[in-house]
Amino acid sequence: MGTGPTNTEGKFMRIAEIIGRVTLSRCHPSLRGATWKVVVPLDRQGLAGKESGRGEPFVIFDELGAGEGSLVGVSEGAEAAAPFHPNVKPIDGYAAAILDQVDLG
């Protein structure tokens, strides 16, 4: 995804667009009260509206209530579960922020 920093070490938050939601027939008891969203990560080109800047979709945990089309800041890996410490939640991606505006300046 572009030439910018990668998230391979979990040190960077990525920006993603919500493109759908996941419906579960069962879930871990610690996950009640939130929803699972399908997101597409965006690099600088994606944020500028170019299809080539859109990554592969993945699923995140959303307690903020972001809607389809919203841009969110996504924490991944161990950082995704950090806001719930000391409770344990089996998640790999977390909507940490809903973004009102992104300046590509």
N, C-alpha and C. Protein backbone atom coordinates (compact mmCIF):
# COMPACT_ATOMS: atom_id res chain seq x y z
N MET A 1 0.83 -1.19 0.00
CA MET A 1 0.00 0.00 0.00
C MET A 1 0.87 1.25 0.00
N GLY A 2 1.27 1.70 -1.13
CA GLY A 2 1.99 2.94 -1.23
C GLY A 2 3.40 2.85 -0.71
N THR A 3 4.03 4.00 -0.54
CA THR A 3 5.41 4.04 -0.09
C THR A 3 5.56 4.53 1.33
N GLY A 4 4.46 4.78 2.00
CA GLY A 4 4.50 5.29 3.37
C GLY A 4 4.81 4.19 4.37
N PRO A 5 4.74 4.51 5.67
CA PRO A 5 5.03 3.53 6.70
C PRO A 5 4.05 2.36 6.64
N THR A 6 4.54 1.21 6.97
CA THR A 6 3.68 0.03 6.99
C THR A 6 3.26 -0.27 8.41
N ASN A 7 2.27 -1.11 8.55
CA ASN A 7 1.75 -1.46 9.87
C ASN A 7 2.21 -2.87 10.26
N THR A 8 3.30 -3.35 9.71
CA THR A 8 3.73 -4.71 9.98
C THR A 8 4.14 -4.93 11.42
N GLU A 9 4.53 -3.88 12.11
CA GLU A 9 4.94 -4.02 13.50
C GLU A 9 3.88 -3.47 14.45
N GLY A 10 2.71 -3.08 13.95
CA GLY A 10 1.65 -2.57 14.80
C GLY A 10 1.93 -1.20 15.38
N LYS A 11 2.81 -0.41 14.76
CA LYS A 11 3.19 0.88 15.33
C LYS A 11 2.42 2.05 14.75
N PHE A 12 1.66 1.82 13.69
CA PHE A 12 0.96 2.90 13.03
C PHE A 12 -0.53 2.61 12.97
N MET A 13 -1.31 3.66 13.08
CA MET A 13 -2.75 3.54 12.89
C MET A 13 -3.03 3.76 11.41
N ARG A 14 -3.89 2.93 10.84
CA ARG A 14 -4.26 3.10 9.44
C ARG A 14 -5.61 3.78 9.34
N ILE A 15 -5.84 4.44 8.21
CA ILE A 15 -7.14 5.03 7.91
C ILE A 15 -7.87 4.07 6.99
N ALA A 16 -9.13 3.82 7.30
CA ALA A 16 -9.93 2.89 6.50
C ALA A 16 -11.33 3.45 6.31
N GLU A 17 -11.98 3.00 5.23
CA GLU A 17 -13.36 3.37 4.95
C GLU A 17 -14.26 2.18 5.27
N ILE A 18 -15.36 2.44 5.97
CA ILE A 18 -16.30 1.37 6.28
C ILE A 18 -17.15 1.10 5.03
N ILE A 19 -17.16 -0.18 4.62
CA ILE A 19 -17.91 -0.54 3.42
C ILE A 19 -19.04 -1.52 3.72
N GLY A 20 -19.17 -1.96 4.97
CA GLY A 20 -20.25 -2.89 5.31
C GLY A 20 -20.16 -3.32 6.75
N ARG A 21 -21.04 -4.23 7.13
CA ARG A 21 -21.02 -4.76 8.49
C ARG A 21 -21.16 -6.26 8.46
N VAL A 22 -20.81 -6.87 9.57
CA VAL A 22 -20.84 -8.32 9.70
C VAL A 22 -21.95 -8.68 10.68
N THR A 23 -22.73 -9.67 10.34
CA THR A 23 -23.77 -10.16 11.24
C THR A 23 -23.32 -11.51 11.80
N LEU A 24 -23.29 -11.61 13.12
CA LEU A 24 -22.85 -12.83 13.78
C LEU A 24 -24.04 -13.59 14.34
N SER A 25 -24.00 -14.91 14.24
CA SER A 25 -25.05 -15.70 14.88
C SER A 25 -24.69 -15.97 16.33
N ARG A 26 -23.39 -15.94 16.64
CA ARG A 26 -22.89 -16.07 18.01
C ARG A 26 -21.64 -15.22 18.15
N CYS A 27 -21.37 -14.79 19.37
CA CYS A 27 -20.12 -14.06 19.59
C CYS A 27 -19.62 -14.33 21.00
N HIS A 28 -18.35 -14.03 21.19
CA HIS A 28 -17.72 -14.16 22.51
C HIS A 28 -18.45 -13.20 23.46
N PRO A 29 -18.75 -13.62 24.69
CA PRO A 29 -19.51 -12.76 25.62
C PRO A 29 -18.88 -11.37 25.84
N SER A 30 -17.58 -11.26 25.73
CA SER A 30 -16.92 -9.97 25.96
C SER A 30 -17.14 -8.99 24.81
N LEU A 31 -17.74 -9.45 23.71
CA LEU A 31 -17.91 -8.60 22.53
C LEU A 31 -19.31 -8.05 22.37
N ARG A 32 -20.17 -8.27 23.32
CA ARG A 32 -21.54 -7.77 23.23
C ARG A 32 -21.55 -6.25 23.33
N GLY A 33 -22.49 -5.62 22.61
CA GLY A 33 -22.64 -4.18 22.69
C GLY A 33 -21.91 -3.39 21.63
N ALA A 34 -21.26 -4.07 20.72
CA ALA A 34 -20.55 -3.38 19.63
C ALA A 34 -20.86 -4.12 18.33
N THR A 35 -20.35 -3.59 17.24
CA THR A 35 -20.59 -4.23 15.94
C THR A 35 -19.27 -4.50 15.25
N TRP A 36 -19.31 -5.40 14.29
CA TRP A 36 -18.17 -5.72 13.44
C TRP A 36 -18.41 -5.06 12.10
N LYS A 37 -17.42 -4.34 11.61
CA LYS A 37 -17.53 -3.63 10.35
C LYS A 37 -16.49 -4.15 9.35
N VAL A 38 -16.85 -4.13 8.09
CA VAL A 38 -15.91 -4.45 7.02
C VAL A 38 -15.33 -3.12 6.53
N VAL A 39 -14.00 -3.04 6.50
CA VAL A 39 -13.33 -1.81 6.09
C VAL A 39 -12.33 -2.08 4.97
N VAL A 40 -12.02 -1.02 4.25
CA VAL A 40 -10.98 -1.05 3.23
C VAL A 40 -9.92 -0.03 3.65
N PRO A 41 -8.67 -0.48 3.85
CA PRO A 41 -7.62 0.48 4.20
C PRO A 41 -7.30 1.39 3.01
N LEU A 42 -7.00 2.65 3.31
CA LEU A 42 -6.72 3.64 2.27
C LEU A 42 -5.32 4.21 2.46
N ASP A 43 -4.57 4.28 1.38
CA ASP A 43 -3.31 5.02 1.44
C ASP A 43 -3.60 6.44 0.92
N ARG A 44 -2.57 7.21 0.68
CA ARG A 44 -2.76 8.61 0.25
C ARG A 44 -3.58 8.68 -1.04
N GLN A 45 -3.32 7.77 -1.98
CA GLN A 45 -4.08 7.77 -3.24
C GLN A 45 -5.55 7.43 -2.98
N GLY A 46 -5.79 6.47 -2.10
CA GLY A 46 -7.16 6.10 -1.77
C GLY A 46 -7.92 7.24 -1.12
N LEU A 47 -7.24 7.98 -0.25
CA LEU A 47 -7.86 9.14 0.39
C LEU A 47 -8.18 10.23 -0.63
N ALA A 48 -7.43 10.24 -1.74
CA ALA A 48 -7.69 11.21 -2.80
C ALA A 48 -8.75 10.71 -3.78
N GLY A 49 -9.33 9.53 -3.50
CA GLY A 49 -10.41 9.01 -4.32
C GLY A 49 -10.00 8.05 -5.42
N LYS A 50 -8.73 7.65 -5.47
CA LYS A 50 -8.26 6.76 -6.52
C LYS A 50 -8.41 5.30 -6.09
N GLU A 51 -8.96 4.49 -6.99
CA GLU A 51 -9.20 3.07 -6.71
C GLU A 51 -7.90 2.34 -6.39
N SER A 52 -6.79 2.75 -7.01
CA SER A 52 -5.50 2.08 -6.79
C SER A 52 -4.99 2.22 -5.35
N GLY A 53 -5.56 3.15 -4.58
CA GLY A 53 -5.14 3.36 -3.20
C GLY A 53 -5.99 2.65 -2.18
N ARG A 54 -6.81 1.71 -2.64
CA ARG A 54 -7.68 0.95 -1.73
C ARG A 54 -7.11 -0.45 -1.55
N GLY A 55 -6.94 -0.87 -0.29
CA GLY A 55 -6.38 -2.18 0.00
C GLY A 55 -7.44 -3.26 0.07
N GLU A 56 -7.01 -4.42 0.57
CA GLU A 56 -7.91 -5.56 0.73
C GLU A 56 -8.81 -5.36 1.95
N PRO A 57 -10.11 -5.65 1.84
CA PRO A 57 -11.03 -5.49 2.97
C PRO A 57 -10.66 -6.41 4.15
N PHE A 58 -10.95 -5.93 5.35
CA PHE A 58 -10.82 -6.75 6.56
C PHE A 58 -11.87 -6.31 7.57
N VAL A 59 -11.98 -7.02 8.66
CA VAL A 59 -13.04 -6.79 9.66
C VAL A 59 -12.45 -6.16 10.91
N ILE A 60 -13.18 -5.17 11.47
CA ILE A 60 -12.77 -4.51 12.70
C ILE A 60 -13.93 -4.51 13.71
N PHE A 61 -13.59 -4.29 14.96
CA PHE A 61 -14.52 -4.16 16.07
C PHE A 61 -14.84 -2.68 16.24
N ASP A 62 -16.13 -2.31 16.28
CA ASP A 62 -16.52 -0.90 16.34
C ASP A 62 -17.48 -0.65 17.49
N GLU A 63 -17.02 0.09 18.49
CA GLU A 63 -17.88 0.52 19.60
C GLU A 63 -18.34 1.97 19.41
N LEU A 64 -17.84 2.63 18.39
CA LEU A 64 -18.12 4.05 18.19
C LEU A 64 -19.39 4.30 17.39
N GLY A 65 -19.85 3.30 16.64
CA GLY A 65 -21.06 3.47 15.85
C GLY A 65 -20.85 4.13 14.51
N ALA A 66 -19.69 3.92 13.92
CA ALA A 66 -19.41 4.51 12.61
C ALA A 66 -20.31 3.89 11.55
N GLY A 67 -20.76 4.71 10.61
CA GLY A 67 -21.65 4.24 9.56
C GLY A 67 -20.92 3.93 8.27
N GLU A 68 -21.63 3.29 7.36
CA GLU A 68 -21.06 2.96 6.06
C GLU A 68 -20.61 4.24 5.36
N GLY A 69 -19.41 4.20 4.78
CA GLY A 69 -18.83 5.36 4.13
C GLY A 69 -17.97 6.21 5.05
N SER A 70 -18.04 5.98 6.35
CA SER A 70 -17.24 6.75 7.31
C SER A 70 -15.77 6.36 7.20
N LEU A 71 -14.90 7.33 7.49
CA LEU A 71 -13.48 7.05 7.62
C LEU A 71 -13.17 6.85 9.09
N VAL A 72 -12.38 5.82 9.38
CA VAL A 72 -12.02 5.52 10.76
C VAL A 72 -10.52 5.31 10.88
N GLY A 73 -9.99 5.63 12.06
CA GLY A 73 -8.62 5.29 12.40
C GLY A 73 -8.65 3.89 13.00
N VAL A 74 -7.83 2.99 12.47
CA VAL A 74 -7.87 1.59 12.87
C VAL A 74 -6.57 1.20 13.58
N SER A 75 -6.70 0.67 14.79
CA SER A 75 -5.58 0.06 15.51
C SER A 75 -5.63 -1.43 15.23
N GLU A 76 -4.46 -2.04 15.08
CA GLU A 76 -4.41 -3.47 14.77
C GLU A 76 -3.46 -4.20 15.70
N GLY A 77 -3.60 -5.52 15.74
CA GLY A 77 -2.72 -6.35 16.55
C GLY A 77 -2.96 -6.14 18.03
N ALA A 78 -1.88 -6.20 18.82
CA ALA A 78 -1.99 -6.05 20.27
C ALA A 78 -2.57 -4.69 20.65
N GLU A 79 -2.28 -3.65 19.86
CA GLU A 79 -2.81 -2.32 20.15
C GLU A 79 -4.33 -2.26 20.04
N ALA A 80 -4.92 -3.15 19.24
CA ALA A 80 -6.38 -3.18 19.10
C ALA A 80 -7.05 -3.61 20.40
N ALA A 81 -6.41 -4.48 21.15
CA ALA A 81 -6.98 -4.97 22.40
C ALA A 81 -6.60 -4.10 23.59
N ALA A 82 -5.60 -3.22 23.44
CA ALA A 82 -5.10 -2.41 24.55
C ALA A 82 -6.15 -1.55 25.24
N PRO A 83 -7.12 -0.94 24.53
CA PRO A 83 -8.10 -0.10 25.23
C PRO A 83 -8.96 -0.86 26.25
N PHE A 84 -8.97 -2.18 26.17
CA PHE A 84 -9.82 -2.98 27.04
C PHE A 84 -9.08 -3.56 28.23
N HIS A 85 -7.78 -3.31 28.33
CA HIS A 85 -6.96 -3.86 29.42
C HIS A 85 -7.56 -3.44 30.76
N PRO A 86 -7.69 -4.27 31.74
CA PRO A 86 -7.18 -5.63 31.86
C PRO A 86 -8.11 -6.70 31.29
N ASN A 87 -9.28 -6.31 30.79
CA ASN A 87 -10.17 -7.31 30.19
C ASN A 87 -9.56 -7.80 28.88
N VAL A 88 -9.86 -9.03 28.54
CA VAL A 88 -9.34 -9.63 27.32
C VAL A 88 -10.46 -9.69 26.29
N LYS A 89 -10.20 -9.17 25.11
CA LYS A 89 -11.16 -9.26 24.00
C LYS A 89 -10.42 -9.85 22.80
N PRO A 90 -11.00 -10.87 22.19
CA PRO A 90 -10.34 -11.53 21.06
C PRO A 90 -10.52 -10.75 19.75
N ILE A 91 -9.81 -9.62 19.62
CA ILE A 91 -9.94 -8.81 18.41
C ILE A 91 -8.56 -8.51 17.82
N ASP A 92 -8.53 -8.29 16.51
CA ASP A 92 -7.30 -7.95 15.80
C ASP A 92 -7.35 -6.55 15.20
N GLY A 93 -8.54 -5.98 15.06
CA GLY A 93 -8.69 -4.64 14.50
C GLY A 93 -9.76 -3.88 15.25
N TYR A 94 -9.51 -2.61 15.55
CA TYR A 94 -10.41 -1.82 16.40
C TYR A 94 -10.57 -0.41 15.82
N ALA A 95 -11.80 0.06 15.72
CA ALA A 95 -12.06 1.44 15.28
C ALA A 95 -11.76 2.36 16.45
N ALA A 96 -10.61 3.01 16.41
CA ALA A 96 -10.18 3.87 17.50
C ALA A 96 -10.71 5.29 17.40
N ALA A 97 -11.10 5.71 16.18
CA ALA A 97 -11.59 7.08 15.98
C ALA A 97 -12.42 7.16 14.70
N ILE A 98 -13.43 8.00 14.74
CA ILE A 98 -14.16 8.35 13.52
C ILE A 98 -13.57 9.67 13.04
N LEU A 99 -13.15 9.71 11.79
CA LEU A 99 -12.48 10.89 11.26
C LEU A 99 -13.47 11.78 10.51
N ASP A 100 -13.61 13.02 10.95
CA ASP A 100 -14.50 13.97 10.30
C ASP A 100 -13.87 14.53 9.03
N GLN A 101 -12.55 14.69 9.06
CA GLN A 101 -11.86 15.34 7.95
C GLN A 101 -10.44 14.83 7.90
N VAL A 102 -9.90 14.66 6.69
CA VAL A 102 -8.52 14.29 6.49
C VAL A 102 -7.89 15.31 5.54
N ASP A 103 -6.82 15.96 6.00
CA ASP A 103 -6.14 16.97 5.20
C ASP A 103 -4.92 16.33 4.55
N LEU A 104 -4.90 16.24 3.23
CA LEU A 104 -3.78 15.64 2.53
C LEU A 104 -2.66 16.63 2.24
N GLY A 105 -2.88 17.89 2.66
CA GLY A 105 -1.95 19.01 2.48
C GLY A 105 -0.60 18.64 2.21
